[in-house]
């Protein structure tokens, strides 16, 4: 692996860690409904499992988009989910 590939991989891992940290903030929020937390946890697990990054990223985005239809989500949480989806799409 070349130096550039190694640096790119480190940057990608750092961005994934930032996304996971945002997901953890939602999971720790007591105002977020349990069913939403369950879907966030699923999206997080899909992102962190082994395999092709594109597939993991797409599966995680799909799980997060399913949450967006829930009318019980606090607006701040909805905005955070949109931000996470945007960050995943830019990976």
N, C-alpha and C. Protein backbone atom coordinates (compact mmCIF):
# COMPACT_ATOMS: atom_id res chain seq x y z
N UNK A 1 0.85 -1.18 0.00
CA UNK A 1 0.00 0.00 0.00
C UNK A 1 0.89 1.24 0.00
N UNK A 2 0.61 2.16 -0.91
CA UNK A 2 1.42 3.36 -1.00
C UNK A 2 1.06 4.33 0.13
N UNK A 3 1.89 5.34 0.27
CA UNK A 3 1.70 6.34 1.32
C UNK A 3 0.38 7.09 1.12
N UNK A 4 0.05 7.39 -0.15
CA UNK A 4 -1.20 8.09 -0.44
C UNK A 4 -2.42 7.23 -0.10
N UNK A 5 -2.35 5.95 -0.44
CA UNK A 5 -3.46 5.05 -0.12
C UNK A 5 -3.64 4.93 1.38
N UNK A 6 -2.53 4.87 2.11
CA UNK A 6 -2.58 4.76 3.56
C UNK A 6 -3.20 6.01 4.17
N UNK A 7 -2.80 7.18 3.67
CA UNK A 7 -3.34 8.44 4.16
C UNK A 7 -4.83 8.54 3.85
N UNK A 8 -5.24 8.13 2.65
CA UNK A 8 -6.64 8.15 2.27
C UNK A 8 -7.47 7.23 3.15
N UNK A 9 -6.92 6.07 3.48
CA UNK A 9 -7.60 5.12 4.34
C UNK A 9 -7.76 5.69 5.75
N UNK A 10 -6.74 6.37 6.23
CA UNK A 10 -6.80 6.99 7.56
C UNK A 10 -7.87 8.08 7.60
N UNK A 11 -7.93 8.88 6.55
CA UNK A 11 -8.93 9.94 6.47
C UNK A 11 -10.33 9.35 6.44
N UNK A 12 -10.51 8.28 5.66
CA UNK A 12 -11.81 7.62 5.56
C UNK A 12 -12.23 7.06 6.92
N UNK A 13 -11.31 6.42 7.62
CA UNK A 13 -11.61 5.89 8.95
C UNK A 13 -11.97 7.00 9.93
N UNK A 14 -11.30 8.13 9.82
CA UNK A 14 -11.60 9.27 10.68
C UNK A 14 -13.00 9.81 10.40
N UNK A 15 -13.39 9.88 9.14
CA UNK A 15 -14.73 10.35 8.78
C UNK A 15 -15.80 9.38 9.26
N UNK A 16 -15.52 8.09 9.14
CA UNK A 16 -16.47 7.08 9.64
C UNK A 16 -16.60 7.20 11.15
N UNK A 17 -15.49 7.42 11.84
CA UNK A 17 -15.54 7.60 13.30
C UNK A 17 -16.36 8.83 13.68
N UNK A 18 -16.26 9.91 12.89
CA UNK A 18 -17.07 11.10 13.14
C UNK A 18 -18.57 10.79 12.99
N UNK A 19 -18.91 10.03 11.96
CA UNK A 19 -20.30 9.65 11.71
C UNK A 19 -20.82 8.78 12.86
N UNK A 20 -20.01 7.82 13.28
CA UNK A 20 -20.40 6.95 14.39
C UNK A 20 -20.59 7.76 15.67
N UNK A 21 -19.74 8.76 15.88
CA UNK A 21 -19.88 9.62 17.07
C UNK A 21 -21.20 10.38 17.03
N UNK A 22 -21.60 10.84 15.85
CA UNK A 22 -22.89 11.53 15.72
C UNK A 22 -24.05 10.57 16.00
N UNK A 23 -23.91 9.35 15.52
CA UNK A 23 -24.94 8.34 15.79
C UNK A 23 -25.02 8.05 17.29
N UNK A 24 -23.87 7.97 17.94
CA UNK A 24 -23.84 7.71 19.39
C UNK A 24 -24.52 8.84 20.17
N UNK A 25 -24.37 10.08 19.70
CA UNK A 25 -25.04 11.21 20.36
C UNK A 25 -26.55 11.03 20.31
N UNK A 26 -27.06 10.60 19.16
CA UNK A 26 -28.51 10.37 19.03
C UNK A 26 -28.93 9.22 19.94
N UNK A 27 -28.13 8.16 19.98
CA UNK A 27 -28.46 7.01 20.82
C UNK A 27 -28.48 7.37 22.30
N UNK A 28 -27.68 8.33 22.71
CA UNK A 28 -27.62 8.75 24.11
C UNK A 28 -28.69 9.78 24.48
N UNK A 29 -29.37 10.33 23.48
CA UNK A 29 -30.40 11.36 23.71
C UNK A 29 -31.68 10.72 24.24
N UNK A 30 -32.10 11.14 25.40
CA UNK A 30 -33.28 10.56 26.05
C UNK A 30 -34.59 11.00 25.40
N UNK A 31 -34.57 12.03 24.55
CA UNK A 31 -35.79 12.49 23.89
C UNK A 31 -36.09 11.73 22.61
N UNK A 32 -35.17 10.89 22.17
CA UNK A 32 -35.34 10.14 20.93
C UNK A 32 -36.13 8.86 21.23
N UNK A 33 -37.20 8.60 20.47
CA UNK A 33 -38.00 7.39 20.69
C UNK A 33 -37.17 6.11 20.50
N UNK A 34 -37.58 5.07 21.21
CA UNK A 34 -36.87 3.79 21.19
C UNK A 34 -36.78 3.19 19.79
N UNK A 35 -37.86 3.27 19.01
CA UNK A 35 -37.84 2.69 17.67
C UNK A 35 -36.83 3.41 16.77
N UNK A 36 -36.66 4.71 16.97
CA UNK A 36 -35.68 5.47 16.20
C UNK A 36 -34.27 5.06 16.62
N UNK A 37 -34.06 4.92 17.92
CA UNK A 37 -32.74 4.49 18.39
C UNK A 37 -32.39 3.11 17.84
N UNK A 38 -33.39 2.26 17.75
CA UNK A 38 -33.15 0.91 17.22
C UNK A 38 -32.67 0.98 15.77
N UNK A 39 -33.28 1.85 14.97
CA UNK A 39 -32.87 1.98 13.57
C UNK A 39 -31.50 2.66 13.45
N UNK A 40 -31.21 3.62 14.32
CA UNK A 40 -29.89 4.25 14.33
C UNK A 40 -28.83 3.21 14.66
N UNK A 41 -29.11 2.36 15.66
CA UNK A 41 -28.18 1.31 16.05
C UNK A 41 -27.95 0.35 14.87
N UNK A 42 -29.02 0.01 14.16
CA UNK A 42 -28.91 -0.87 12.99
C UNK A 42 -28.03 -0.22 11.92
N UNK A 43 -28.25 1.06 11.66
CA UNK A 43 -27.45 1.78 10.66
C UNK A 43 -25.98 1.81 11.07
N UNK A 44 -25.74 2.00 12.35
CA UNK A 44 -24.37 2.03 12.87
C UNK A 44 -23.69 0.67 12.68
N UNK A 45 -24.41 -0.39 13.03
CA UNK A 45 -23.85 -1.74 12.88
C UNK A 45 -23.57 -2.06 11.42
N UNK A 46 -24.46 -1.65 10.52
CA UNK A 46 -24.26 -1.89 9.09
C UNK A 46 -23.00 -1.16 8.60
N UNK A 47 -22.80 0.05 9.09
CA UNK A 47 -21.63 0.83 8.68
C UNK A 47 -20.33 0.23 9.20
N UNK A 48 -20.36 -0.33 10.39
CA UNK A 48 -19.13 -0.82 11.03
C UNK A 48 -18.77 -2.26 10.70
N UNK A 49 -19.69 -3.01 10.08
CA UNK A 49 -19.35 -4.41 9.82
C UNK A 49 -18.32 -4.51 8.70
N UNK A 50 -17.70 -5.66 8.61
CA UNK A 50 -16.66 -5.90 7.62
C UNK A 50 -17.26 -5.96 6.21
N UNK A 51 -16.44 -5.62 5.23
CA UNK A 51 -16.89 -5.74 3.85
C UNK A 51 -16.64 -4.46 3.07
N UNK A 52 -17.20 -4.43 1.89
CA UNK A 52 -17.04 -3.32 0.97
C UNK A 52 -17.67 -2.05 1.55
N UNK A 53 -16.92 -0.96 1.55
CA UNK A 53 -17.39 0.29 2.12
C UNK A 53 -18.63 0.80 1.40
N UNK A 54 -18.68 0.69 0.09
CA UNK A 54 -19.84 1.17 -0.67
C UNK A 54 -21.12 0.47 -0.24
N UNK A 55 -21.05 -0.84 -0.07
CA UNK A 55 -22.22 -1.60 0.33
C UNK A 55 -22.64 -1.25 1.76
N UNK A 56 -21.67 -1.12 2.65
CA UNK A 56 -21.97 -0.77 4.04
C UNK A 56 -22.58 0.61 4.12
N UNK A 57 -22.01 1.54 3.36
CA UNK A 57 -22.48 2.92 3.34
C UNK A 57 -23.92 2.99 2.81
N UNK A 58 -24.19 2.32 1.71
CA UNK A 58 -25.53 2.33 1.12
C UNK A 58 -26.56 1.69 2.03
N UNK A 59 -26.20 0.60 2.69
CA UNK A 59 -27.12 -0.06 3.61
C UNK A 59 -27.43 0.85 4.80
N UNK A 60 -26.43 1.54 5.29
CA UNK A 60 -26.61 2.45 6.41
C UNK A 60 -27.51 3.63 6.01
N UNK A 61 -27.27 4.18 4.84
CA UNK A 61 -28.10 5.28 4.34
C UNK A 61 -29.55 4.83 4.22
N UNK A 62 -29.76 3.65 3.67
CA UNK A 62 -31.12 3.13 3.49
C UNK A 62 -31.83 3.00 4.84
N UNK A 63 -31.13 2.49 5.84
CA UNK A 63 -31.72 2.34 7.18
C UNK A 63 -32.07 3.71 7.77
N UNK A 64 -31.21 4.70 7.55
CA UNK A 64 -31.47 6.04 8.08
C UNK A 64 -32.63 6.72 7.36
N UNK A 65 -32.73 6.49 6.06
CA UNK A 65 -33.83 7.09 5.30
C UNK A 65 -35.18 6.53 5.74
N UNK A 66 -35.21 5.28 6.18
CA UNK A 66 -36.45 4.70 6.69
C UNK A 66 -36.92 5.41 7.96
N UNK A 67 -36.00 5.91 8.75
CA UNK A 67 -36.34 6.60 9.99
C UNK A 67 -37.02 7.93 9.70
N UNK A 68 -36.63 8.57 8.62
CA UNK A 68 -37.09 9.92 8.32
C UNK A 68 -38.61 10.01 8.19
N UNK A 69 -39.28 8.90 7.92
CA UNK A 69 -40.74 8.91 7.77
C UNK A 69 -41.48 8.94 9.11
N UNK A 70 -40.77 8.69 10.20
CA UNK A 70 -41.40 8.63 11.52
C UNK A 70 -41.79 10.04 12.00
N UNK A 71 -43.08 10.29 12.25
CA UNK A 71 -43.51 11.63 12.67
C UNK A 71 -43.13 11.97 14.12
N UNK A 72 -42.68 11.00 14.90
CA UNK A 72 -42.36 11.23 16.31
C UNK A 72 -40.93 11.67 16.57
N UNK A 73 -40.15 11.84 15.52
CA UNK A 73 -38.75 12.24 15.70
C UNK A 73 -38.69 13.72 16.03
N UNK A 74 -37.94 14.08 17.08
CA UNK A 74 -37.72 15.50 17.36
C UNK A 74 -36.99 16.16 16.18
N UNK A 75 -37.30 17.42 15.91
CA UNK A 75 -36.74 18.11 14.74
C UNK A 75 -35.21 18.13 14.77
N UNK A 76 -34.63 18.33 15.95
CA UNK A 76 -33.17 18.34 16.04
C UNK A 76 -32.59 17.00 15.62
N UNK A 77 -33.24 15.92 16.03
CA UNK A 77 -32.77 14.58 15.67
C UNK A 77 -32.91 14.36 14.17
N UNK A 78 -34.02 14.81 13.60
CA UNK A 78 -34.23 14.68 12.15
C UNK A 78 -33.11 15.40 11.39
N UNK A 79 -32.76 16.60 11.85
CA UNK A 79 -31.69 17.36 11.21
C UNK A 79 -30.35 16.62 11.35
N UNK A 80 -30.11 16.04 12.51
CA UNK A 80 -28.87 15.27 12.71
C UNK A 80 -28.81 14.06 11.77
N UNK A 81 -29.95 13.41 11.58
CA UNK A 81 -30.00 12.26 10.68
C UNK A 81 -29.71 12.70 9.26
N UNK A 82 -30.27 13.84 8.84
CA UNK A 82 -29.99 14.36 7.50
C UNK A 82 -28.50 14.65 7.34
N UNK A 83 -27.88 15.22 8.39
CA UNK A 83 -26.45 15.51 8.35
C UNK A 83 -25.63 14.22 8.22
N UNK A 84 -26.03 13.19 8.96
CA UNK A 84 -25.33 11.91 8.89
C UNK A 84 -25.45 11.32 7.49
N UNK A 85 -26.66 11.37 6.92
CA UNK A 85 -26.86 10.85 5.56
C UNK A 85 -25.98 11.60 4.58
N UNK A 86 -25.92 12.91 4.72
CA UNK A 86 -25.09 13.73 3.84
C UNK A 86 -23.60 13.34 3.96
N UNK A 87 -23.16 13.12 5.19
CA UNK A 87 -21.77 12.74 5.40
C UNK A 87 -21.49 11.35 4.80
N UNK A 88 -22.45 10.45 4.94
CA UNK A 88 -22.28 9.10 4.36
C UNK A 88 -22.21 9.18 2.84
N UNK A 89 -23.06 10.00 2.24
CA UNK A 89 -23.07 10.12 0.79
C UNK A 89 -21.78 10.69 0.26
N UNK A 90 -21.09 11.52 1.07
CA UNK A 90 -19.85 12.13 0.62
C UNK A 90 -18.62 11.24 0.80
N UNK A 91 -18.80 10.08 1.45
CA UNK A 91 -17.66 9.16 1.64
C UNK A 91 -17.17 8.63 0.30
